[in-house]
Amino acid sequence: SSLSLSSEIRRSLDAISTRTRRFEDIYSSSLRFRILRQHGYN
């Protein structure tokens, strides 16, 4: 269902926002930042 998909996306975004990457290239880092900002993470 749509609600299930929304909650799965939210859980994935939460995991991305809390996980730090020690060795991440600039492209991956900027993409992660952009996706989080687009979804209201500050």
PDB file of N, CA and C in Angstrom:
ATOM      1  N   SER A   1       0.830  -1.197   0.000  1.00  0.00           N
ATOM      2  CA  SER A   1       0.000   0.000   0.000  1.00  0.00           C
ATOM      3  C   SER A   1       0.868   1.253   0.000  1.00  0.00           C
ATOM      4  N   SER A   2       0.246   2.352  -0.276  1.00  0.00           N
ATOM      5  CA  SER A   2       0.936   3.640  -0.334  1.00  0.00           C
ATOM      6  C   SER A   2       1.499   4.038   1.027  1.00  0.00           C
ATOM      7  N   LEU A   3       0.738   3.780   2.084  1.00  0.00           N
ATOM      8  CA  LEU A   3       1.188   4.112   3.435  1.00  0.00           C
ATOM      9  C   LEU A   3       2.409   3.289   3.818  1.00  0.00           C
ATOM     10  N   SER A   4       2.397   2.026   3.451  1.00  0.00           N
ATOM     11  CA  SER A   4       3.529   1.150   3.736  1.00  0.00           C
ATOM     12  C   SER A   4       4.780   1.634   3.005  1.00  0.00           C
ATOM     13  N   LEU A   5       4.626   2.040   1.759  1.00  0.00           N
ATOM     14  CA  LEU A   5       5.755   2.550   0.984  1.00  0.00           C
ATOM     15  C   LEU A   5       6.289   3.840   1.598  1.00  0.00           C
ATOM     16  N   SER A   6       5.402   4.714   2.022  1.00  0.00           N
ATOM     17  CA  SER A   6       5.822   5.972   2.645  1.00  0.00           C
ATOM     18  C   SER A   6       6.615   5.725   3.917  1.00  0.00           C
ATOM     19  N   SER A   7       6.172   4.790   4.729  1.00  0.00           N
ATOM     20  CA  SER A   7       6.898   4.511   5.970  1.00  0.00           C
ATOM     21  C   SER A   7       8.239   3.844   5.685  1.00  0.00           C
ATOM     22  N   GLU A   8       8.305   3.035   4.653  1.00  0.00           N
ATOM     23  CA  GLU A   8       9.577   2.409   4.268  1.00  0.00           C
ATOM     24  C   GLU A   8      10.568   3.463   3.770  1.00  0.00           C
ATOM     25  N   ILE A   9      10.085   4.410   2.999  1.00  0.00           N
ATOM     26  CA  ILE A   9      10.942   5.500   2.519  1.00  0.00           C
ATOM     27  C   ILE A   9      11.438   6.325   3.695  1.00  0.00           C
ATOM     28  N   ARG A  10      10.556   6.629   4.634  1.00  0.00           N
ATOM     29  CA  ARG A  10      10.929   7.413   5.817  1.00  0.00           C
ATOM     30  C   ARG A  10      11.996   6.689   6.637  1.00  0.00           C
ATOM     31  N   ARG A  11      11.834   5.383   6.815  1.00  0.00           N
ATOM     32  CA  ARG A  11      12.838   4.603   7.557  1.00  0.00           C
ATOM     33  C   ARG A  11      14.182   4.622   6.838  1.00  0.00           C
ATOM     34  N   SER A  12      14.144   4.530   5.528  1.00  0.00           N
ATOM     35  CA  SER A  12      15.390   4.562   4.748  1.00  0.00           C
ATOM     36  C   SER A  12      16.079   5.920   4.869  1.00  0.00           C
ATOM     37  N   LEU A  13      15.307   6.990   4.787  1.00  0.00           N
ATOM     38  CA  LEU A  13      15.881   8.325   4.927  1.00  0.00           C
ATOM     39  C   LEU A  13      16.453   8.532   6.322  1.00  0.00           C
ATOM     40  N   ASP A  14      15.766   8.037   7.345  1.00  0.00           N
ATOM     41  CA  ASP A  14      16.282   8.130   8.711  1.00  0.00           C
ATOM     42  C   ASP A  14      17.614   7.399   8.841  1.00  0.00           C
ATOM     43  N   ALA A  15      17.709   6.233   8.236  1.00  0.00           N
ATOM     44  CA  ALA A  15      18.958   5.461   8.281  1.00  0.00           C
ATOM     45  C   ALA A  15      20.080   6.213   7.572  1.00  0.00           C
ATOM     46  N   ILE A  16      19.771   6.819   6.440  1.00  0.00           N
ATOM     47  CA  ILE A  16      20.777   7.583   5.698  1.00  0.00           C
ATOM     48  C   ILE A  16      21.240   8.793   6.505  1.00  0.00           C
ATOM     49  N   SER A  17      20.303   9.449   7.188  1.00  0.00           N
ATOM     50  CA  SER A  17      20.653  10.670   7.911  1.00  0.00           C
ATOM     51  C   SER A  17      21.502  10.401   9.145  1.00  0.00           C
ATOM     52  N   THR A  18      21.350   9.238   9.758  1.00  0.00           N
ATOM     53  CA  THR A  18      22.096   8.953  10.983  1.00  0.00           C
ATOM     54  C   THR A  18      23.405   8.221  10.728  1.00  0.00           C
ATOM     55  N   ARG A  19      23.539   7.635   9.588  1.00  0.00           N
ATOM     56  CA  ARG A  19      24.746   6.875   9.266  1.00  0.00           C
ATOM     57  C   ARG A  19      25.824   7.824   8.748  1.00  0.00           C
ATOM     58  N   THR A  20      26.981   7.766   9.337  1.00  0.00           N
ATOM     59  CA  THR A  20      28.091   8.583   8.841  1.00  0.00           C
ATOM     60  C   THR A  20      29.021   7.708   8.019  1.00  0.00           C
ATOM     61  N   ARG A  21      29.552   8.296   7.015  1.00  0.00           N
ATOM     62  CA  ARG A  21      30.447   7.566   6.125  1.00  0.00           C
ATOM     63  C   ARG A  21      31.851   8.159   6.259  1.00  0.00           C
ATOM     64  N   ARG A  22      32.751   7.352   6.717  1.00  0.00           N
ATOM     65  CA  ARG A  22      34.107   7.844   6.935  1.00  0.00           C
ATOM     66  C   ARG A  22      34.837   8.118   5.618  1.00  0.00           C
ATOM     67  N   PHE A  23      34.680   7.228   4.672  1.00  0.00           N
ATOM     68  CA  PHE A  23      35.364   7.374   3.380  1.00  0.00           C
ATOM     69  C   PHE A  23      34.318   7.458   2.274  1.00  0.00           C
ATOM     70  N   GLU A  24      33.801   8.651   2.064  1.00  0.00           N
ATOM     71  CA  GLU A  24      32.758   8.850   1.066  1.00  0.00           C
ATOM     72  C   GLU A  24      33.238   9.903   0.073  1.00  0.00           C
ATOM     73  N   ASP A  25      33.069   9.633  -1.215  1.00  0.00           N
ATOM     74  CA  ASP A  25      33.513  10.619  -2.196  1.00  0.00           C
ATOM     75  C   ASP A  25      32.572  11.823  -2.208  1.00  0.00           C
ATOM     76  N   ILE A  26      33.019  12.890  -2.826  1.00  0.00           N
ATOM     77  CA  ILE A  26      32.269  14.146  -2.817  1.00  0.00           C
ATOM     78  C   ILE A  26      30.920  14.015  -3.519  1.00  0.00           C
ATOM     79  N   TYR A  27      30.844  13.232  -4.574  1.00  0.00           N
ATOM     80  CA  TYR A  27      29.576  13.050  -5.276  1.00  0.00           C
ATOM     81  C   TYR A  27      28.559  12.358  -4.372  1.00  0.00           C
ATOM     82  N   SER A  28      28.947  11.280  -3.728  1.00  0.00           N
ATOM     83  CA  SER A  28      28.034  10.541  -2.849  1.00  0.00           C
ATOM     84  C   SER A  28      27.592  11.394  -1.675  1.00  0.00           C
ATOM     85  N   SER A  29      28.520  12.123  -1.119  1.00  0.00           N
ATOM     86  CA  SER A  29      28.205  12.989   0.009  1.00  0.00           C
ATOM     87  C   SER A  29      27.208  14.075  -0.388  1.00  0.00           C
ATOM     88  N   SER A  30      27.433  14.717  -1.530  1.00  0.00           N
ATOM     89  CA  SER A  30      26.527  15.787  -1.962  1.00  0.00           C
ATOM     90  C   SER A  30      25.159  15.241  -2.354  1.00  0.00           C
ATOM     91  N   LEU A  31      25.125  14.063  -2.950  1.00  0.00           N
ATOM     92  CA  LEU A  31      23.848  13.454  -3.309  1.00  0.00           C
ATOM     93  C   LEU A  31      23.046  13.107  -2.058  1.00  0.00           C
ATOM     94  N   ARG A  32      23.723  12.542  -1.055  1.00  0.00           N
ATOM     95  CA  ARG A  32      23.048  12.209   0.210  1.00  0.00           C
ATOM     96  C   ARG A  32      22.499  13.479   0.857  1.00  0.00           C
ATOM     97  N   PHE A  33      23.294  14.541   0.875  1.00  0.00           N
ATOM     98  CA  PHE A  33      22.864  15.813   1.438  1.00  0.00           C
ATOM     99  C   PHE A  33      21.647  16.361   0.697  1.00  0.00           C
ATOM    100  N   ARG A  34      21.678  16.320  -0.629  1.00  0.00           N
ATOM    101  CA  ARG A  34      20.570  16.849  -1.438  1.00  0.00           C
ATOM    102  C   ARG A  34      19.276  16.078  -1.194  1.00  0.00           C
ATOM    103  N   ILE A  35      19.356  14.761  -1.189  1.00  0.00           N
ATOM    104  CA  ILE A  35      18.162  13.933  -0.972  1.00  0.00           C
ATOM    105  C   ILE A  35      17.560  14.213   0.395  1.00  0.00           C
ATOM    106  N   LEU A  36      18.396  14.294   1.412  1.00  0.00           N
ATOM    107  CA  LEU A  36      17.887  14.567   2.753  1.00  0.00           C
ATOM    108  C   LEU A  36      17.254  15.952   2.835  1.00  0.00           C
ATOM    109  N   ARG A  37      17.881  16.955   2.236  1.00  0.00           N
ATOM    110  CA  ARG A  37      17.316  18.307   2.253  1.00  0.00           C
ATOM    111  C   ARG A  37      15.969  18.366   1.528  1.00  0.00           C
ATOM    112  N   GLN A  38      15.841  17.641   0.423  1.00  0.00           N
ATOM    113  CA  GLN A  38      14.590  17.632  -0.330  1.00  0.00           C
ATOM    114  C   GLN A  38      13.454  17.008   0.469  1.00  0.00           C
ATOM    115  N   HIS A  39      13.797  16.188   1.434  1.00  0.00           N
ATOM    116  CA  HIS A  39      12.776  15.515   2.230  1.00  0.00           C
ATOM    117  C   HIS A  39      12.657  16.092   3.633  1.00  0.00           C
ATOM    118  N   GLY A  40      13.162  17.306   3.833  1.00  0.00           N
ATOM    119  CA  GLY A  40      12.929  18.029   5.065  1.00  0.00           C
ATOM    120  C   GLY A  40      13.901  17.771   6.195  1.00  0.00           C
ATOM    121  N   TYR A  41      14.997  17.102   5.928  1.00  0.00           N
ATOM    122  CA  TYR A  41      16.005  16.897   6.964  1.00  0.00           C
ATOM    123  C   TYR A  41      16.913  18.116   6.994  1.00  0.00           C
ATOM    124  N   ASN A  42      17.111  18.667   8.174  1.00  0.00           N
ATOM    125  CA  ASN A  42      17.954  19.864   8.310  1.00  0.00           C
ATOM    126  C   ASN A  42      19.167  19.581   9.137  1.00  0.00           C
TER     127      ASN A  42
END
